[in-house]
Amino acid sequence: MADNLIRRGVVTATLVSAGIARPRIVAAGGTPPNAPEPWVRPYVGLPWKELGRDRQGVDCWGLHRLPLLEVFGCDTPLYETGYVGCSRRDVPEIATLIAAGKAGWHIVREPGYEGGLCPIGDERPGDSLLIRQHGEPSHIALVAGGGHMLHIEEGTDSVCVPYTERDWRRRIVGIYRHPGLVQS
């Protein structure tokens, strides 16, 4: 069922209650033309955990880092320090960390002018989507293929959703490629 829902562009997540996993379905809007790649499935449904860096729980950086390392063989900093948490008050610190860290990454796309939409189409699975949250570029997601991204937000399980739709697309401030993926 979950594979079918992912293929149809519907988000699935896992809610663990009393040791029993049950699917939770959240509408993702329209359906992009392609499905995300199969490597994404084990990362859908991971629980939210502030500063989490493993399958027991992740924040957006932890979810971004985990498949980059496990699937693509690209290591990234843990960022276990540098910000206290993921609340709105910590957004400036997170944005500062991201700005410093992206300096060594290959720019796939950035908006051509202030306030413009970031062009999409050259990204590929494993690329990073830098997303504006609370007015700052402080949220990160991973391109999952087929116009989908793997991401997590506070209080939810990880999901795979289309980023090509207007609500997400207008928040994307850049697409970046890990240096280890530039030649591949």
N, C-alpha and C. Protein backbone atom coordinates (compact mmCIF):
# COMPACT_ATOMS: atom_id res chain seq x y z
N MET A 1 0.81 -1.19 0.00
CA MET A 1 0.00 0.00 0.00
C MET A 1 0.86 1.26 0.00
N ALA A 2 1.90 1.30 0.86
CA ALA A 2 2.74 2.50 0.94
C ALA A 2 3.43 2.78 -0.38
N ASP A 3 3.96 1.73 -1.05
CA ASP A 3 4.62 1.93 -2.33
C ASP A 3 3.66 2.53 -3.34
N ASN A 4 2.45 2.03 -3.37
CA ASN A 4 1.44 2.54 -4.29
C ASN A 4 1.11 4.00 -3.99
N LEU A 5 1.00 4.34 -2.71
CA LEU A 5 0.70 5.72 -2.33
C LEU A 5 1.85 6.65 -2.70
N ILE A 6 3.08 6.20 -2.50
CA ILE A 6 4.23 7.03 -2.89
C ILE A 6 4.22 7.23 -4.40
N ARG A 7 3.97 6.17 -5.18
CA ARG A 7 3.93 6.29 -6.64
C ARG A 7 2.86 7.26 -7.09
N ARG A 8 1.74 7.33 -6.40
CA ARG A 8 0.65 8.21 -6.79
C ARG A 8 0.86 9.64 -6.31
N GLY A 9 1.96 9.91 -5.63
CA GLY A 9 2.22 11.26 -5.15
C GLY A 9 1.53 11.57 -3.84
N VAL A 10 1.11 10.55 -3.12
CA VAL A 10 0.50 10.74 -1.82
C VAL A 10 1.55 10.42 -0.78
N VAL A 11 1.61 11.24 0.23
CA VAL A 11 2.62 11.07 1.25
C VAL A 11 2.20 9.98 2.21
N THR A 12 3.14 9.12 2.56
CA THR A 12 2.86 8.16 3.62
C THR A 12 3.88 8.38 4.72
N ALA A 13 3.44 8.21 5.89
CA ALA A 13 4.34 8.29 7.04
C ALA A 13 3.93 7.21 8.01
N THR A 14 4.77 6.91 8.94
CA THR A 14 4.46 5.88 9.90
C THR A 14 4.23 6.50 11.26
N LEU A 15 3.15 6.12 11.87
CA LEU A 15 2.85 6.57 13.21
C LEU A 15 2.94 5.35 14.11
N VAL A 16 3.86 5.37 15.03
CA VAL A 16 4.03 4.22 15.90
C VAL A 16 3.24 4.47 17.18
N SER A 17 2.33 3.59 17.45
CA SER A 17 1.49 3.70 18.62
C SER A 17 1.37 2.33 19.26
N ALA A 18 1.79 2.23 20.47
CA ALA A 18 1.73 0.97 21.20
C ALA A 18 2.47 -0.14 20.44
N GLY A 19 3.57 0.23 19.76
CA GLY A 19 4.37 -0.77 19.06
C GLY A 19 3.78 -1.23 17.74
N ILE A 20 2.68 -0.64 17.30
CA ILE A 20 2.04 -1.05 16.06
C ILE A 20 2.19 0.07 15.04
N ALA A 21 2.78 -0.24 13.90
CA ALA A 21 2.93 0.77 12.85
C ALA A 21 1.67 0.77 12.00
N ARG A 22 1.14 1.94 11.76
CA ARG A 22 -0.02 2.05 10.89
C ARG A 22 0.20 3.22 9.94
N PRO A 23 -0.21 3.09 8.68
CA PRO A 23 0.04 4.18 7.74
C PRO A 23 -0.83 5.38 8.04
N ARG A 24 -0.26 6.56 7.84
CA ARG A 24 -0.99 7.80 7.95
C ARG A 24 -0.88 8.46 6.60
N ILE A 25 -1.97 8.86 6.01
CA ILE A 25 -1.98 9.41 4.66
C ILE A 25 -2.25 10.90 4.73
N VAL A 26 -1.42 11.66 4.04
CA VAL A 26 -1.56 13.09 4.00
C VAL A 26 -1.57 13.50 2.54
N ALA A 27 -2.55 14.26 2.12
CA ALA A 27 -2.61 14.68 0.72
C ALA A 27 -1.44 15.59 0.40
N ALA A 28 -0.81 15.36 -0.73
CA ALA A 28 0.34 16.16 -1.14
C ALA A 28 -0.01 17.07 -2.29
N GLY A 29 -1.26 17.20 -2.61
CA GLY A 29 -1.65 18.04 -3.74
C GLY A 29 -1.62 17.26 -5.02
N GLY A 30 -1.19 17.90 -6.10
CA GLY A 30 -1.14 17.25 -7.41
C GLY A 30 -0.08 16.17 -7.46
N THR A 31 -0.13 15.38 -8.50
CA THR A 31 0.80 14.28 -8.67
C THR A 31 1.85 14.63 -9.71
N PRO A 32 3.13 14.63 -9.33
CA PRO A 32 4.17 14.88 -10.32
C PRO A 32 4.24 13.72 -11.32
N PRO A 33 4.92 13.92 -12.43
CA PRO A 33 4.92 12.91 -13.47
C PRO A 33 5.64 11.62 -13.10
N ASN A 34 6.59 11.66 -12.19
CA ASN A 34 7.38 10.47 -11.86
C ASN A 34 7.36 10.21 -10.36
N ALA A 35 7.64 8.98 -10.01
CA ALA A 35 7.71 8.60 -8.60
C ALA A 35 9.13 8.83 -8.09
N PRO A 36 9.27 8.99 -6.77
CA PRO A 36 10.61 9.07 -6.20
C PRO A 36 11.34 7.74 -6.40
N GLU A 37 12.64 7.76 -6.25
CA GLU A 37 13.43 6.54 -6.44
C GLU A 37 13.25 5.59 -5.26
N PRO A 38 13.45 4.29 -5.48
CA PRO A 38 13.22 3.28 -4.43
C PRO A 38 14.07 3.47 -3.17
N TRP A 39 15.25 4.06 -3.25
CA TRP A 39 16.09 4.22 -2.06
C TRP A 39 15.43 5.08 -0.98
N VAL A 40 14.41 5.83 -1.36
CA VAL A 40 13.75 6.76 -0.44
C VAL A 40 12.91 6.01 0.61
N ARG A 41 12.33 4.89 0.25
CA ARG A 41 11.35 4.21 1.12
C ARG A 41 11.80 4.01 2.56
N PRO A 42 13.03 3.55 2.82
CA PRO A 42 13.42 3.34 4.23
C PRO A 42 13.51 4.63 5.06
N TYR A 43 13.50 5.77 4.39
CA TYR A 43 13.63 7.04 5.09
C TYR A 43 12.28 7.73 5.32
N VAL A 44 11.23 7.21 4.74
CA VAL A 44 9.89 7.75 4.95
C VAL A 44 9.32 7.17 6.24
N GLY A 45 8.85 8.05 7.12
CA GLY A 45 8.25 7.60 8.37
C GLY A 45 9.18 7.65 9.56
N LEU A 46 10.41 8.16 9.39
CA LEU A 46 11.29 8.30 10.54
C LEU A 46 10.71 9.37 11.47
N PRO A 47 10.82 9.17 12.77
CA PRO A 47 10.23 10.13 13.70
C PRO A 47 11.06 11.40 13.84
N TRP A 48 10.38 12.50 14.16
CA TRP A 48 11.03 13.77 14.43
C TRP A 48 11.74 13.70 15.79
N LYS A 49 12.97 14.18 15.81
CA LYS A 49 13.71 14.33 17.07
C LYS A 49 14.64 15.51 16.90
N GLU A 50 14.48 16.49 17.77
CA GLU A 50 15.34 17.66 17.70
C GLU A 50 16.80 17.26 17.84
N LEU A 51 17.63 17.72 16.90
CA LEU A 51 19.05 17.39 16.81
C LEU A 51 19.30 15.90 16.59
N GLY A 52 18.28 15.15 16.13
CA GLY A 52 18.43 13.72 15.87
C GLY A 52 19.28 13.46 14.64
N ARG A 53 20.12 12.42 14.71
CA ARG A 53 21.02 12.12 13.60
C ARG A 53 21.01 10.65 13.20
N ASP A 54 20.02 9.87 13.67
CA ASP A 54 19.95 8.46 13.29
C ASP A 54 18.50 8.03 13.14
N ARG A 55 18.28 6.78 12.84
CA ARG A 55 16.94 6.27 12.56
C ARG A 55 16.01 6.30 13.77
N GLN A 56 16.56 6.54 14.95
CA GLN A 56 15.70 6.66 16.13
C GLN A 56 14.95 7.99 16.14
N GLY A 57 15.44 8.94 15.35
CA GLY A 57 14.79 10.24 15.24
C GLY A 57 15.73 11.24 14.57
N VAL A 58 15.15 12.11 13.75
CA VAL A 58 15.94 13.07 12.98
C VAL A 58 15.25 14.43 12.93
N ASP A 59 16.05 15.48 12.78
CA ASP A 59 15.52 16.77 12.39
C ASP A 59 15.83 16.90 10.90
N CYS A 60 15.63 18.06 10.30
CA CYS A 60 15.81 18.15 8.85
C CYS A 60 17.25 17.88 8.43
N TRP A 61 18.23 18.35 9.22
CA TRP A 61 19.63 18.08 8.86
C TRP A 61 19.95 16.60 9.03
N GLY A 62 19.45 15.99 10.09
CA GLY A 62 19.68 14.56 10.29
C GLY A 62 19.11 13.72 9.16
N LEU A 63 17.91 14.07 8.70
CA LEU A 63 17.29 13.34 7.60
C LEU A 63 18.04 13.59 6.29
N HIS A 64 18.54 14.76 6.11
CA HIS A 64 19.34 15.11 4.93
C HIS A 64 20.66 14.33 4.94
N ARG A 65 21.29 14.28 6.10
CA ARG A 65 22.61 13.66 6.25
C ARG A 65 22.57 12.13 6.11
N LEU A 66 21.55 11.50 6.66
CA LEU A 66 21.48 10.04 6.72
C LEU A 66 21.54 9.40 5.33
N PRO A 67 20.66 9.72 4.38
CA PRO A 67 20.77 9.09 3.06
C PRO A 67 21.98 9.57 2.27
N LEU A 68 22.42 10.81 2.48
CA LEU A 68 23.65 11.24 1.79
C LEU A 68 24.79 10.30 2.14
N LEU A 69 24.88 9.92 3.40
CA LEU A 69 25.94 9.03 3.85
C LEU A 69 25.67 7.58 3.43
N GLU A 70 24.47 7.07 3.73
CA GLU A 70 24.17 5.66 3.51
C GLU A 70 23.95 5.28 2.05
N VAL A 71 23.33 6.15 1.28
CA VAL A 71 23.00 5.83 -0.11
C VAL A 71 24.06 6.35 -1.08
N PHE A 72 24.51 7.58 -0.84
CA PHE A 72 25.39 8.24 -1.80
C PHE A 72 26.86 8.26 -1.36
N GLY A 73 27.15 7.80 -0.13
CA GLY A 73 28.53 7.74 0.34
C GLY A 73 29.17 9.09 0.59
N CYS A 74 28.37 10.10 0.86
CA CYS A 74 28.88 11.46 1.08
C CYS A 74 28.69 11.86 2.54
N ASP A 75 29.79 12.13 3.20
CA ASP A 75 29.72 12.53 4.60
C ASP A 75 29.49 14.04 4.70
N THR A 76 28.79 14.45 5.71
CA THR A 76 28.53 15.86 5.99
C THR A 76 28.76 16.10 7.48
N PRO A 77 28.96 17.34 7.89
CA PRO A 77 29.12 17.61 9.32
C PRO A 77 27.87 17.18 10.10
N LEU A 78 28.07 16.81 11.34
CA LEU A 78 26.94 16.43 12.19
C LEU A 78 26.11 17.63 12.62
N TYR A 79 26.73 18.77 12.79
CA TYR A 79 26.06 19.96 13.33
C TYR A 79 25.30 19.62 14.61
N GLU A 80 26.00 18.97 15.51
CA GLU A 80 25.41 18.67 16.81
C GLU A 80 25.46 19.88 17.73
N THR A 81 26.27 20.87 17.36
CA THR A 81 26.34 22.11 18.10
C THR A 81 26.19 23.25 17.09
N GLY A 82 26.08 24.44 17.58
CA GLY A 82 25.93 25.59 16.69
C GLY A 82 24.52 26.15 16.74
N TYR A 83 23.58 25.33 17.18
CA TYR A 83 22.22 25.81 17.42
C TYR A 83 21.63 24.96 18.53
N VAL A 84 20.74 25.55 19.26
CA VAL A 84 20.16 24.89 20.43
C VAL A 84 19.09 23.90 20.03
N GLY A 85 18.24 24.30 19.10
CA GLY A 85 17.13 23.45 18.69
C GLY A 85 16.60 23.93 17.37
N CYS A 86 15.39 23.53 17.04
CA CYS A 86 14.81 23.83 15.74
C CYS A 86 13.61 24.76 15.83
N SER A 87 13.46 25.43 16.95
CA SER A 87 12.31 26.32 17.08
C SER A 87 12.54 27.62 16.31
N ARG A 88 11.52 28.41 16.22
CA ARG A 88 11.58 29.68 15.49
C ARG A 88 12.70 30.58 16.02
N ARG A 89 12.96 30.54 17.31
CA ARG A 89 14.01 31.40 17.86
C ARG A 89 15.41 30.99 17.41
N ASP A 90 15.58 29.75 16.98
CA ASP A 90 16.89 29.25 16.57
C ASP A 90 17.14 29.39 15.07
N VAL A 91 16.16 29.88 14.32
CA VAL A 91 16.26 29.97 12.86
C VAL A 91 17.48 30.78 12.40
N PRO A 92 17.79 31.94 12.98
CA PRO A 92 18.98 32.68 12.51
C PRO A 92 20.28 31.88 12.66
N GLU A 93 20.44 31.15 13.77
CA GLU A 93 21.65 30.35 13.96
C GLU A 93 21.73 29.23 12.94
N ILE A 94 20.60 28.60 12.67
CA ILE A 94 20.56 27.53 11.67
C ILE A 94 20.90 28.09 10.29
N ALA A 95 20.33 29.22 9.95
CA ALA A 95 20.61 29.85 8.65
C ALA A 95 22.09 30.19 8.51
N THR A 96 22.71 30.65 9.60
CA THR A 96 24.13 30.97 9.57
C THR A 96 24.97 29.72 9.34
N LEU A 97 24.65 28.63 10.02
CA LEU A 97 25.36 27.36 9.80
C LEU A 97 25.23 26.89 8.35
N ILE A 98 24.03 26.95 7.82
CA ILE A 98 23.79 26.51 6.45
C ILE A 98 24.56 27.38 5.47
N ALA A 99 24.54 28.69 5.67
CA ALA A 99 25.25 29.60 4.77
C ALA A 99 26.74 29.30 4.76
N ALA A 100 27.32 29.05 5.93
CA ALA A 100 28.75 28.73 6.00
C ALA A 100 29.04 27.37 5.37
N GLY A 101 28.18 26.40 5.61
CA GLY A 101 28.41 25.05 5.10
C GLY A 101 28.24 24.89 3.61
N LYS A 102 27.38 25.68 2.99
CA LYS A 102 27.11 25.50 1.57
C LYS A 102 28.22 26.07 0.68
N ALA A 103 29.16 26.81 1.29
CA ALA A 103 30.22 27.45 0.51
C ALA A 103 31.03 26.43 -0.32
N GLY A 104 31.21 25.23 0.18
CA GLY A 104 31.98 24.23 -0.55
C GLY A 104 31.16 23.35 -1.47
N TRP A 105 29.86 23.58 -1.56
CA TRP A 105 28.98 22.75 -2.37
C TRP A 105 28.80 23.36 -3.75
N HIS A 106 28.56 22.52 -4.72
CA HIS A 106 28.30 22.96 -6.09
C HIS A 106 26.90 23.56 -6.19
N ILE A 107 26.79 24.76 -6.77
CA ILE A 107 25.47 25.37 -6.97
C ILE A 107 24.85 24.77 -8.22
N VAL A 108 23.72 24.11 -8.05
CA VAL A 108 22.96 23.59 -9.19
C VAL A 108 22.08 24.72 -9.72
N ARG A 109 21.35 25.36 -8.83
CA ARG A 109 20.47 26.49 -9.21
C ARG A 109 20.27 27.41 -8.02
N GLU A 110 20.19 28.69 -8.32
CA GLU A 110 19.77 29.72 -7.38
C GLU A 110 18.90 30.68 -8.16
N PRO A 111 18.04 31.44 -7.49
CA PRO A 111 17.20 32.39 -8.23
C PRO A 111 18.06 33.38 -9.01
N GLY A 112 17.59 33.76 -10.18
CA GLY A 112 18.32 34.70 -11.01
C GLY A 112 18.21 36.13 -10.53
N TYR A 113 17.24 36.42 -9.69
CA TYR A 113 17.06 37.78 -9.18
C TYR A 113 16.39 37.70 -7.82
N GLU A 114 16.51 38.77 -7.06
CA GLU A 114 15.96 38.80 -5.71
C GLU A 114 14.45 38.55 -5.73
N GLY A 115 14.02 37.59 -4.95
CA GLY A 115 12.60 37.30 -4.85
C GLY A 115 12.06 36.41 -5.96
N GLY A 116 12.91 36.04 -6.92
CA GLY A 116 12.46 35.19 -8.02
C GLY A 116 12.41 33.73 -7.61
N LEU A 117 11.70 32.94 -8.40
CA LEU A 117 11.65 31.51 -8.14
C LEU A 117 12.98 30.87 -8.53
N CYS A 118 13.40 29.93 -7.75
CA CYS A 118 14.59 29.17 -8.07
C CYS A 118 14.25 28.24 -9.24
N PRO A 119 14.97 28.31 -10.36
CA PRO A 119 14.68 27.43 -11.48
C PRO A 119 14.88 25.97 -11.09
N ILE A 120 14.02 25.10 -11.54
CA ILE A 120 14.18 23.67 -11.29
C ILE A 120 14.31 22.96 -12.62
N GLY A 121 14.86 21.75 -12.58
CA GLY A 121 15.01 20.96 -13.78
C GLY A 121 16.40 20.34 -13.93
N ASP A 122 17.42 20.94 -13.33
CA ASP A 122 18.77 20.39 -13.41
C ASP A 122 19.15 19.57 -12.19
N GLU A 123 18.27 19.54 -11.18
CA GLU A 123 18.57 18.80 -9.97
C GLU A 123 18.45 17.31 -10.24
N ARG A 124 19.09 16.54 -9.36
CA ARG A 124 19.02 15.08 -9.47
C ARG A 124 18.99 14.48 -8.06
N PRO A 125 18.61 13.22 -7.93
CA PRO A 125 18.54 12.61 -6.61
C PRO A 125 19.85 12.78 -5.84
N GLY A 126 19.69 13.15 -4.58
CA GLY A 126 20.84 13.40 -3.72
C GLY A 126 21.19 14.87 -3.60
N ASP A 127 20.62 15.70 -4.47
CA ASP A 127 20.87 17.14 -4.36
C ASP A 127 20.09 17.70 -3.17
N SER A 128 20.56 18.83 -2.68
CA SER A 128 19.97 19.45 -1.50
C SER A 128 19.12 20.65 -1.90
N LEU A 129 17.95 20.73 -1.32
CA LEU A 129 17.07 21.87 -1.52
C LEU A 129 17.15 22.74 -0.27
N LEU A 130 17.59 23.96 -0.43
CA LEU A 130 17.61 24.91 0.67
C LEU A 130 16.28 25.66 0.63
N ILE A 131 15.57 25.63 1.74
CA ILE A 131 14.20 26.13 1.79
C ILE A 131 14.06 27.23 2.85
N ARG A 132 13.33 28.26 2.49
CA ARG A 132 13.07 29.35 3.43
C ARG A 132 12.00 28.87 4.43
N GLN A 133 12.31 29.09 5.70
CA GLN A 133 11.37 28.77 6.77
C GLN A 133 11.43 29.91 7.77
N HIS A 134 10.28 30.45 8.14
CA HIS A 134 10.20 31.61 9.04
C HIS A 134 11.03 32.77 8.48
N GLY A 135 11.02 32.92 7.16
CA GLY A 135 11.69 34.03 6.50
C GLY A 135 13.18 33.87 6.27
N GLU A 136 13.77 32.78 6.72
CA GLU A 136 15.22 32.57 6.59
C GLU A 136 15.49 31.27 5.82
N PRO A 137 16.60 31.20 5.09
CA PRO A 137 16.99 29.93 4.45
C PRO A 137 17.53 28.97 5.52
N SER A 138 16.62 28.26 6.19
CA SER A 138 16.99 27.49 7.37
C SER A 138 16.42 26.07 7.40
N HIS A 139 15.92 25.61 6.27
CA HIS A 139 15.37 24.25 6.21
C HIS A 139 16.02 23.54 5.03
N ILE A 140 16.32 22.27 5.19
CA ILE A 140 17.00 21.52 4.14
C ILE A 140 16.22 20.24 3.85
N ALA A 141 16.18 19.88 2.57
CA ALA A 141 15.53 18.66 2.13
C ALA A 141 16.41 18.02 1.07
N LEU A 142 16.13 16.78 0.74
CA LEU A 142 16.93 16.03 -0.22
C LEU A 142 16.07 15.66 -1.42
N VAL A 143 16.58 15.92 -2.62
CA VAL A 143 15.86 15.54 -3.84
C VAL A 143 15.78 14.02 -3.89
N ALA A 144 14.56 13.50 -4.05
CA ALA A 144 14.31 12.07 -4.05
C ALA A 144 14.02 11.54 -5.45
N GLY A 145 14.00 12.41 -6.44
CA GLY A 145 13.70 12.01 -7.82
C GLY A 145 12.23 12.22 -8.14
N GLY A 146 11.96 12.39 -9.42
CA GLY A 146 10.58 12.53 -9.87
C GLY A 146 9.87 13.76 -9.34
N GLY A 147 10.61 14.82 -9.04
CA GLY A 147 9.98 16.04 -8.51
C GLY A 147 9.60 15.94 -7.04
N HIS A 148 10.14 14.96 -6.33
CA HIS A 148 9.85 14.76 -4.91
C HIS A 148 11.05 15.11 -4.06
N MET A 149 10.77 15.47 -2.81
CA MET A 149 11.83 15.71 -1.83
C MET A 149 11.53 14.91 -0.57
N LEU A 150 12.60 14.53 0.10
CA LEU A 150 12.52 13.86 1.38
C LEU A 150 12.79 14.92 2.43
N HIS A 151 11.85 15.10 3.35
CA HIS A 151 12.04 16.12 4.38
C HIS A 151 11.23 15.81 5.62
N ILE A 152 11.52 16.58 6.65
CA ILE A 152 10.82 16.44 7.93
C ILE A 152 10.71 17.81 8.56
N GLU A 153 9.62 18.03 9.25
CA GLU A 153 9.42 19.26 10.00
C GLU A 153 9.05 18.88 11.42
N GLU A 154 9.28 19.81 12.32
CA GLU A 154 9.02 19.58 13.74
C GLU A 154 7.61 19.06 13.97
N GLY A 155 7.54 17.98 14.75
CA GLY A 155 6.25 17.42 15.13
C GLY A 155 5.64 16.46 14.13
N THR A 156 6.36 16.16 13.02
CA THR A 156 5.84 15.21 12.04
C THR A 156 6.87 14.12 11.79
N ASP A 157 6.45 13.06 11.16
CA ASP A 157 7.38 12.03 10.70
C ASP A 157 7.93 12.47 9.34
N SER A 158 9.02 11.86 8.91
CA SER A 158 9.60 12.21 7.61
C SER A 158 8.65 11.79 6.49
N VAL A 159 8.65 12.59 5.42
CA VAL A 159 7.75 12.36 4.29
C VAL A 159 8.49 12.58 2.98
N CYS A 160 7.87 12.12 1.92
CA CYS A 160 8.35 12.36 0.57
C CYS A 160 7.21 13.06 -0.16
N VAL A 161 7.43 14.32 -0.52
CA VAL A 161 6.39 15.15 -1.12
C VAL A 161 6.91 15.85 -2.37
N PRO A 162 6.01 16.24 -3.27
CA PRO A 162 6.43 17.00 -4.45
C PRO A 162 6.89 18.40 -4.06
N TYR A 163 8.03 18.81 -4.58
CA TYR A 163 8.50 20.18 -4.33
C TYR A 163 8.24 21.08 -5.53
N THR A 164 7.65 20.54 -6.55
CA THR A 164 7.38 21.30 -7.77
C THR A 164 6.11 22.12 -7.66
N GLU A 165 5.33 21.88 -6.63
CA GLU A 165 4.09 22.63 -6.45
C GLU A 165 4.38 24.01 -5.88
N ARG A 166 3.49 24.93 -6.13
CA ARG A 166 3.69 26.34 -5.81
C ARG A 166 4.08 26.61 -4.35
N ASP A 167 3.40 26.00 -3.39
CA ASP A 167 3.68 26.30 -1.99
C ASP A 167 5.12 25.96 -1.60
N TRP A 168 5.65 24.86 -2.09
CA TRP A 168 7.04 24.52 -1.80
C TRP A 168 7.98 25.29 -2.73
N ARG A 169 7.65 25.34 -3.98
CA ARG A 169 8.54 25.93 -4.98
C ARG A 169 8.90 27.37 -4.65
N ARG A 170 7.94 28.13 -4.16
CA ARG A 170 8.22 29.54 -3.86
C ARG A 170 9.14 29.70 -2.65
N ARG A 171 9.31 28.64 -1.86
CA ARG A 171 10.17 28.70 -0.68
C ARG A 171 11.59 28.20 -0.94
N ILE A 172 11.83 27.56 -2.09
CA ILE A 172 13.16 27.04 -2.41
C ILE A 172 14.07 28.21 -2.78
N VAL A 173 15.18 28.33 -2.06
CA VAL A 173 16.11 29.43 -2.32
C VAL A 173 17.39 28.96 -3.00
N GLY A 174 17.54 27.67 -3.17
CA GLY A 174 18.71 27.16 -3.88
C GLY A 174 18.74 25.65 -3.91
N ILE A 175 19.44 25.14 -4.93
CA ILE A 175 19.64 23.70 -5.08
C ILE A 175 21.15 23.49 -5.15
N TYR A 176 21.66 22.58 -4.32
CA TYR A 176 23.10 22.39 -4.19
C TYR A 176 23.45 20.92 -4.28
N ARG A 177 24.68 20.65 -4.74
CA ARG A 177 25.16 19.27 -4.89
C ARG A 177 26.39 19.08 -4.02
N HIS A 178 26.38 18.03 -3.23
CA HIS A 178 27.53 17.69 -2.38
C HIS A 178 28.76 17.54 -3.28
N PRO A 179 29.93 18.00 -2.83
CA PRO A 179 31.13 17.88 -3.66
C PRO A 179 31.42 16.45 -4.11
N GLY A 180 31.05 15.46 -3.31
CA GLY A 180 31.27 14.06 -3.66
C GLY A 180 30.37 13.57 -4.78
N LEU A 181 29.34 14.33 -5.13
CA LEU A 181 28.41 13.94 -6.19
C LEU A 181 28.61 14.72 -7.48
N VAL A 182 29.50 15.70 -7.47
CA VAL A 182 29.69 16.56 -8.64
C VAL A 182 30.19 15.76 -9.84
N GLN A 183 31.10 14.86 -9.66
CA GLN A 183 31.68 14.09 -10.77
C GLN A 183 30.82 12.90 -11.17
N SER A 184 29.89 12.48 -10.31
CA SER A 184 29.10 11.28 -10.62
C SER A 184 27.94 11.57 -11.54
